């Protein structure tokens, strides 16, 4: 347990940031799942729309450091390849 006022404040801030970051990661996973679900269903148009929503989300989280830049690039590349193979 934090003993000083400064340490108590940092603990409050850390908890606030943890909750925010976990909701952001959850949102990212939701968009990835929606895109993959559209790909599995064979709906190319819906997959493209979901992909266009997913990409800025991944880029934003990578820019802010919630996920690694290469991880975002890997997700985008693999999903884009699946969408292109649907044609």
Protein backbone atom coordinates (compact mmCIF):
# COMPACT_ATOMS: atom_id res chain seq x y z
CA UNK A 1 0.00 0.00 0.00
CA UNK A 2 1.21 3.49 -0.86
CA UNK A 3 2.39 5.52 2.12
CA UNK A 4 2.96 8.99 0.70
CA UNK A 5 0.47 11.30 -0.96
CA UNK A 6 2.50 11.15 -4.17
CA UNK A 7 2.48 7.34 -4.17
CA UNK A 8 -1.27 7.26 -3.49
CA UNK A 9 -1.88 9.60 -6.42
CA UNK A 10 0.31 7.50 -8.72
CA UNK A 11 -1.63 4.38 -7.66
CA UNK A 12 -4.91 6.12 -8.51
CA UNK A 13 -3.55 7.22 -11.87
CA UNK A 14 -2.18 3.76 -12.64
CA UNK A 15 -5.57 2.19 -11.95
CA UNK A 16 -7.33 4.76 -14.14
CA UNK A 17 -4.86 4.16 -16.99
CA UNK A 18 -5.12 0.37 -16.60
CA UNK A 19 -8.90 0.49 -17.00
CA UNK A 20 -8.66 2.79 -20.01
CA UNK A 21 -6.00 0.66 -21.69
CA UNK A 22 -7.92 -2.57 -21.12
CA UNK A 23 -11.04 -1.08 -22.70
CA UNK A 24 -8.99 0.08 -25.69
CA UNK A 25 -7.50 -3.41 -26.13
CA UNK A 26 -10.98 -4.92 -25.83
CA UNK A 27 -12.24 -2.58 -28.56
CA UNK A 28 -9.32 -3.63 -30.78
CA UNK A 29 -10.09 -7.32 -30.27
CA UNK A 30 -13.76 -6.70 -31.07
CA UNK A 31 -12.91 -5.06 -34.40
CA UNK A 32 -10.53 -7.89 -35.28
CA UNK A 33 -13.20 -10.48 -34.47
CA UNK A 34 -15.82 -8.65 -36.55
CA UNK A 35 -13.47 -8.57 -39.52
CA UNK A 36 -12.55 -12.24 -39.21
CA UNK A 37 -16.21 -13.18 -38.76
CA UNK A 38 -17.08 -11.44 -42.03
CA UNK A 39 -14.21 -13.24 -43.77
CA UNK A 40 -15.33 -16.65 -42.49
CA UNK A 41 -18.91 -15.87 -43.55
CA UNK A 42 -17.62 -15.10 -47.04
CA UNK A 43 -19.03 -11.58 -47.09
CA UNK A 44 -16.26 -9.62 -48.81
CA UNK A 45 -17.98 -6.22 -48.74
CA UNK A 46 -18.67 -6.46 -45.02
CA UNK A 47 -15.10 -7.65 -44.42
CA UNK A 48 -13.71 -4.64 -46.28
CA UNK A 49 -15.88 -2.23 -44.26
CA UNK A 50 -14.84 -3.89 -40.99
CA UNK A 51 -11.18 -3.82 -42.09
CA UNK A 52 -11.35 -0.09 -42.80
CA UNK A 53 -12.64 0.47 -39.27
CA UNK A 54 -10.09 -1.89 -37.73
CA UNK A 55 -6.95 -0.38 -39.33
CA UNK A 56 -7.11 3.10 -37.75
CA UNK A 57 -7.84 1.52 -34.38
CA UNK A 58 -4.75 -0.68 -34.62
CA UNK A 59 -2.63 2.24 -35.79
CA UNK A 60 -3.83 4.44 -32.93
CA UNK A 61 -3.09 1.79 -30.30
CA UNK A 62 0.34 1.13 -31.80
CA UNK A 63 1.12 4.85 -31.84
CA UNK A 64 0.16 5.14 -28.18
CA UNK A 65 2.19 2.08 -27.22
CA UNK A 66 -0.64 -0.22 -26.16
CA UNK A 67 0.48 -2.77 -28.74
CA UNK A 68 3.75 -3.04 -30.62
CA UNK A 69 3.93 -1.41 -34.05
CA UNK A 70 4.94 -4.71 -35.63
CA UNK A 71 1.99 -6.50 -34.03
CA UNK A 72 -0.39 -3.99 -35.60
CA UNK A 73 1.33 -4.43 -38.96
CA UNK A 74 1.13 -8.21 -38.64
CA UNK A 75 -2.61 -8.15 -37.92
CA UNK A 76 -3.28 -5.79 -40.83
CA UNK A 77 -1.17 -7.80 -43.24
CA UNK A 78 -2.65 -11.19 -42.38
CA UNK A 79 -6.25 -9.99 -42.44
CA UNK A 80 -5.73 -8.02 -45.65
CA UNK A 81 -4.27 -11.13 -47.29
CA UNK A 82 -7.36 -13.13 -46.29
CA UNK A 83 -9.63 -10.45 -47.75
CA UNK A 84 -7.68 -10.34 -51.01
CA UNK A 85 -7.89 -14.13 -51.34
CA UNK A 86 -11.68 -13.88 -51.20
CA UNK A 87 -11.83 -12.20 -54.61
